[in-house]
């Protein structure tokens, strides 16, 4: 089975056993959280349930694997002829989750 979930303002197509990185979620590692899916379908794509906006009665459970920070991104600003240069780094926080069940 697969489903479409929404978290952090983004939509993800997930399957059971999948591990993915999403925007930071304020829960401890090892805790379980649930999502209300927007679409649920079986592996063949024969029975598809589309929600308006969510599928009633369907739940996707996930477990938080770890929290972390992404790769460093360098943000450089430069204006010619004015001696203005600025270099700032940024590391986006993320949460890695594992999809356990789609029901």
N, C-alpha and C. Protein backbone atom coordinates (compact mmCIF):
# COMPACT_ATOMS: atom_id res chain seq x y z
N UNK A 1 0.84 -1.19 0.00
CA UNK A 1 0.00 0.00 0.00
C UNK A 1 0.87 1.24 0.00
N UNK A 2 0.33 2.29 -0.52
CA UNK A 2 1.00 3.57 -0.42
C UNK A 2 -0.02 4.65 -0.14
N UNK A 3 0.47 5.78 0.36
CA UNK A 3 -0.40 6.89 0.75
C UNK A 3 0.33 8.20 0.52
N UNK A 4 -0.43 9.28 0.48
CA UNK A 4 0.12 10.63 0.38
C UNK A 4 -0.18 11.32 1.70
N UNK A 5 0.89 11.77 2.39
CA UNK A 5 0.73 12.47 3.67
C UNK A 5 1.26 13.89 3.53
N UNK A 6 0.82 14.74 4.45
CA UNK A 6 1.28 16.13 4.48
C UNK A 6 1.94 16.39 5.81
N UNK A 7 3.16 16.94 5.77
CA UNK A 7 3.86 17.38 6.98
C UNK A 7 4.85 18.47 6.60
N UNK A 8 4.94 19.48 7.43
CA UNK A 8 5.87 20.57 7.17
C UNK A 8 5.54 21.38 5.93
N UNK A 9 4.27 21.39 5.52
CA UNK A 9 3.88 22.14 4.34
C UNK A 9 4.20 21.46 3.03
N UNK A 10 4.62 20.19 3.10
CA UNK A 10 4.96 19.44 1.89
C UNK A 10 4.18 18.13 1.87
N UNK A 11 4.01 17.57 0.68
CA UNK A 11 3.32 16.30 0.53
C UNK A 11 4.34 15.23 0.16
N UNK A 12 4.16 14.03 0.73
CA UNK A 12 5.08 12.93 0.48
C UNK A 12 4.29 11.68 0.10
N UNK A 13 4.77 10.95 -0.91
CA UNK A 13 4.22 9.66 -1.28
C UNK A 13 5.01 8.61 -0.51
N UNK A 14 4.34 7.88 0.39
CA UNK A 14 5.04 6.95 1.29
C UNK A 14 4.51 5.54 1.14
N UNK A 15 5.37 4.57 1.44
CA UNK A 15 5.01 3.17 1.50
C UNK A 15 5.45 2.62 2.85
N UNK A 16 4.95 1.45 3.21
CA UNK A 16 5.32 0.85 4.50
C UNK A 16 6.80 0.48 4.49
N UNK A 17 7.49 0.79 5.58
CA UNK A 17 8.91 0.48 5.71
C UNK A 17 9.83 1.55 5.16
N UNK A 18 9.29 2.59 4.57
CA UNK A 18 10.11 3.65 3.98
C UNK A 18 10.65 4.57 5.07
N UNK A 19 11.88 5.03 4.88
CA UNK A 19 12.49 6.00 5.79
C UNK A 19 12.71 7.28 5.01
N UNK A 20 12.20 8.42 5.53
CA UNK A 20 12.37 9.66 4.82
C UNK A 20 12.66 10.80 5.78
N UNK A 21 13.27 11.86 5.26
CA UNK A 21 13.59 13.05 6.04
C UNK A 21 12.54 14.11 5.77
N UNK A 22 11.97 14.66 6.85
CA UNK A 22 10.95 15.69 6.74
C UNK A 22 11.37 16.89 7.57
N UNK A 23 10.62 17.97 7.49
CA UNK A 23 10.88 19.14 8.32
C UNK A 23 10.84 18.73 9.79
N UNK A 24 11.54 19.46 10.63
CA UNK A 24 11.70 19.09 12.04
C UNK A 24 10.36 18.98 12.74
N UNK A 25 10.19 17.88 13.49
CA UNK A 25 9.00 17.61 14.29
C UNK A 25 9.42 17.61 15.75
N UNK A 26 8.67 18.32 16.58
CA UNK A 26 9.04 18.49 17.99
C UNK A 26 8.56 17.32 18.85
N UNK A 27 9.07 16.13 18.57
CA UNK A 27 8.83 14.95 19.40
C UNK A 27 10.17 14.27 19.63
N UNK A 28 10.25 13.45 20.69
CA UNK A 28 11.50 12.78 21.02
C UNK A 28 11.72 11.58 20.09
N UNK A 29 12.98 11.17 19.98
CA UNK A 29 13.32 10.00 19.17
C UNK A 29 12.68 8.76 19.77
N UNK A 30 12.16 7.90 18.91
CA UNK A 30 11.50 6.69 19.35
C UNK A 30 10.01 6.82 19.53
N UNK A 31 9.48 8.03 19.55
CA UNK A 31 8.04 8.23 19.71
C UNK A 31 7.32 7.93 18.40
N UNK A 32 6.03 7.60 18.53
CA UNK A 32 5.20 7.29 17.37
C UNK A 32 4.25 8.45 17.11
N UNK A 33 4.06 8.77 15.83
CA UNK A 33 3.11 9.81 15.46
C UNK A 33 2.23 9.29 14.34
N UNK A 34 1.07 9.93 14.16
CA UNK A 34 0.13 9.50 13.15
C UNK A 34 -0.14 10.64 12.18
N UNK A 35 -0.39 10.27 10.94
CA UNK A 35 -0.76 11.21 9.89
C UNK A 35 -2.11 10.80 9.33
N UNK A 36 -2.91 11.78 8.91
CA UNK A 36 -4.15 11.50 8.21
C UNK A 36 -3.88 11.66 6.73
N UNK A 37 -3.93 10.58 5.96
CA UNK A 37 -3.52 10.65 4.56
C UNK A 37 -4.55 11.36 3.67
N UNK A 38 -4.04 11.91 2.57
CA UNK A 38 -4.89 12.57 1.59
C UNK A 38 -5.29 11.59 0.49
N UNK A 39 -4.53 10.50 0.32
CA UNK A 39 -4.81 9.49 -0.68
C UNK A 39 -4.26 8.16 -0.17
N UNK A 40 -5.03 7.09 -0.37
CA UNK A 40 -4.58 5.75 0.01
C UNK A 40 -4.87 4.83 -1.16
N UNK A 41 -3.90 4.01 -1.55
CA UNK A 41 -4.08 3.06 -2.65
C UNK A 41 -3.32 1.79 -2.34
N UNK A 42 -3.75 0.69 -2.97
CA UNK A 42 -3.02 -0.56 -2.79
C UNK A 42 -1.85 -0.60 -3.76
N UNK A 43 -1.04 -1.65 -3.68
CA UNK A 43 0.18 -1.72 -4.48
C UNK A 43 -0.10 -1.76 -5.98
N UNK A 44 -1.21 -2.39 -6.38
CA UNK A 44 -1.53 -2.49 -7.80
C UNK A 44 -2.19 -1.22 -8.34
N UNK A 45 -2.75 -0.41 -7.46
CA UNK A 45 -3.45 0.79 -7.89
C UNK A 45 -4.90 0.51 -8.27
N UNK A 46 -5.43 -0.66 -7.85
CA UNK A 46 -6.81 -1.01 -8.18
C UNK A 46 -7.81 -0.27 -7.30
N UNK A 47 -7.59 -0.29 -5.97
CA UNK A 47 -8.50 0.40 -5.07
C UNK A 47 -7.82 1.67 -4.57
N UNK A 48 -8.30 2.79 -5.07
CA UNK A 48 -7.73 4.09 -4.71
C UNK A 48 -8.80 4.89 -3.98
N UNK A 49 -8.45 5.40 -2.80
CA UNK A 49 -9.36 6.27 -2.04
C UNK A 49 -8.74 7.65 -2.00
N UNK A 50 -9.46 8.63 -2.49
CA UNK A 50 -9.00 10.02 -2.50
C UNK A 50 -9.85 10.80 -1.52
N UNK A 51 -9.20 11.53 -0.63
CA UNK A 51 -9.92 12.29 0.38
C UNK A 51 -10.27 13.68 -0.07
N UNK A 52 -11.19 14.29 0.67
CA UNK A 52 -11.58 15.67 0.40
C UNK A 52 -11.55 16.48 1.69
N UNK A 53 -10.45 16.90 2.25
CA UNK A 53 -9.09 16.74 1.81
C UNK A 53 -8.39 15.51 2.36
N UNK A 54 -8.98 14.82 3.40
CA UNK A 54 -8.32 13.64 3.95
C UNK A 54 -9.24 12.43 3.80
N UNK A 55 -8.67 11.24 3.81
CA UNK A 55 -9.45 10.00 3.75
C UNK A 55 -9.92 9.67 5.15
N UNK A 56 -11.23 9.65 5.35
CA UNK A 56 -11.79 9.39 6.67
C UNK A 56 -11.53 7.94 7.07
N UNK A 57 -11.07 7.75 8.30
CA UNK A 57 -10.85 6.40 8.82
C UNK A 57 -9.49 5.81 8.50
N UNK A 58 -8.68 6.46 7.70
CA UNK A 58 -7.35 5.95 7.37
C UNK A 58 -6.30 6.65 8.21
N UNK A 59 -5.31 5.87 8.62
CA UNK A 59 -4.25 6.41 9.47
C UNK A 59 -2.91 5.86 9.00
N UNK A 60 -1.91 6.71 8.96
CA UNK A 60 -0.54 6.31 8.68
C UNK A 60 0.26 6.53 9.95
N UNK A 61 0.88 5.47 10.48
CA UNK A 61 1.68 5.61 11.70
C UNK A 61 3.15 5.59 11.32
N UNK A 62 3.91 6.43 12.01
CA UNK A 62 5.34 6.54 11.75
C UNK A 62 6.07 6.63 13.08
N UNK A 63 7.35 6.24 13.05
CA UNK A 63 8.20 6.29 14.24
C UNK A 63 9.37 7.22 13.94
N UNK A 64 9.70 8.06 14.90
CA UNK A 64 10.81 9.00 14.72
C UNK A 64 12.12 8.25 14.95
N UNK A 65 12.98 8.27 13.93
CA UNK A 65 14.25 7.56 14.00
C UNK A 65 15.32 8.46 14.60
N UNK A 66 15.47 9.67 14.06
CA UNK A 66 16.50 10.59 14.57
C UNK A 66 16.21 12.02 14.14
N UNK A 67 16.85 12.94 14.85
CA UNK A 67 16.84 14.35 14.49
C UNK A 67 18.24 14.71 14.00
N UNK A 68 18.32 15.65 13.10
CA UNK A 68 19.63 16.04 12.61
C UNK A 68 19.59 17.38 11.91
N UNK A 69 20.72 17.73 11.32
CA UNK A 69 20.83 18.97 10.56
C UNK A 69 21.44 18.63 9.21
N UNK A 70 20.93 19.30 8.18
CA UNK A 70 21.36 19.01 6.82
C UNK A 70 22.74 19.56 6.52
N UNK A 71 23.14 19.41 5.26
CA UNK A 71 24.43 19.91 4.81
C UNK A 71 24.46 21.43 4.90
N UNK A 72 25.64 21.98 5.07
CA UNK A 72 25.80 23.42 5.17
C UNK A 72 25.63 24.06 3.80
N UNK A 73 24.82 25.12 3.77
CA UNK A 73 24.60 25.89 2.56
C UNK A 73 25.20 27.26 2.79
N UNK A 74 26.01 27.73 1.86
CA UNK A 74 26.65 29.03 1.98
C UNK A 74 25.79 30.07 1.27
N UNK A 75 25.40 31.11 2.00
CA UNK A 75 24.60 32.20 1.46
C UNK A 75 25.53 33.40 1.31
N UNK A 76 25.83 33.78 0.08
CA UNK A 76 26.80 34.85 -0.19
C UNK A 76 26.09 36.05 -0.79
N UNK A 77 26.37 37.22 -0.22
CA UNK A 77 25.86 38.47 -0.78
C UNK A 77 27.05 39.33 -1.19
N UNK A 78 26.93 40.01 -2.31
CA UNK A 78 28.03 40.81 -2.82
C UNK A 78 27.48 41.97 -3.61
N UNK A 79 28.01 43.14 -3.33
CA UNK A 79 27.66 44.32 -4.12
C UNK A 79 28.95 44.94 -4.64
N UNK A 80 29.06 45.07 -5.94
CA UNK A 80 30.30 45.60 -6.50
C UNK A 80 30.50 47.08 -6.18
N UNK A 81 31.75 47.47 -6.11
CA UNK A 81 32.19 48.87 -5.95
C UNK A 81 31.80 49.49 -4.61
N UNK A 82 31.28 48.72 -3.66
CA UNK A 82 30.91 49.30 -2.37
C UNK A 82 31.58 48.60 -1.20
N UNK A 83 32.48 47.66 -1.48
CA UNK A 83 33.19 46.89 -0.46
C UNK A 83 32.23 46.14 0.47
N UNK A 84 31.15 45.64 -0.11
CA UNK A 84 30.17 44.90 0.67
C UNK A 84 30.22 43.43 0.27
N UNK A 85 30.62 42.59 1.22
CA UNK A 85 30.63 41.15 1.04
C UNK A 85 30.11 40.52 2.33
N UNK A 86 29.27 39.51 2.17
CA UNK A 86 28.74 38.84 3.35
C UNK A 86 28.61 37.35 3.02
N UNK A 87 29.10 36.51 3.91
CA UNK A 87 29.04 35.06 3.74
C UNK A 87 28.46 34.45 5.02
N UNK A 88 27.28 33.85 4.90
CA UNK A 88 26.59 33.27 6.04
C UNK A 88 26.26 31.82 5.72
N UNK A 89 26.45 30.93 6.67
CA UNK A 89 26.12 29.53 6.48
C UNK A 89 24.78 29.19 7.11
N UNK A 90 24.13 28.14 6.60
CA UNK A 90 22.84 27.70 7.12
C UNK A 90 22.76 26.18 7.07
N UNK A 91 22.26 25.57 8.14
CA UNK A 91 22.02 24.13 8.17
C UNK A 91 20.57 23.90 8.60
N UNK A 92 19.78 23.34 7.70
CA UNK A 92 18.36 23.14 7.94
C UNK A 92 18.14 21.93 8.85
N UNK A 93 17.39 22.08 9.96
CA UNK A 93 17.09 20.92 10.81
C UNK A 93 16.07 20.01 10.14
N UNK A 94 16.20 18.70 10.38
CA UNK A 94 15.27 17.73 9.82
C UNK A 94 14.99 16.63 10.85
N UNK A 95 13.94 15.87 10.59
CA UNK A 95 13.61 14.70 11.38
C UNK A 95 13.49 13.52 10.43
N UNK A 96 14.16 12.42 10.75
CA UNK A 96 14.09 11.22 9.93
C UNK A 96 13.03 10.32 10.54
N UNK A 97 12.01 9.94 9.74
CA UNK A 97 10.93 9.10 10.22
C UNK A 97 10.87 7.81 9.41
N UNK A 98 10.34 6.77 10.05
CA UNK A 98 10.14 5.47 9.41
C UNK A 98 8.65 5.17 9.39
N UNK A 99 8.09 4.91 8.21
CA UNK A 99 6.66 4.62 8.08
C UNK A 99 6.44 3.17 8.50
N UNK A 100 5.59 2.96 9.50
CA UNK A 100 5.36 1.62 10.02
C UNK A 100 4.14 0.96 9.39
N UNK A 101 2.97 1.59 9.48
CA UNK A 101 1.76 0.98 8.93
C UNK A 101 0.92 2.01 8.19
N UNK A 102 0.21 1.51 7.20
CA UNK A 102 -0.79 2.31 6.47
C UNK A 102 -2.10 1.54 6.58
N UNK A 103 -3.08 2.13 7.26
CA UNK A 103 -4.35 1.42 7.45
C UNK A 103 -5.52 2.31 7.07
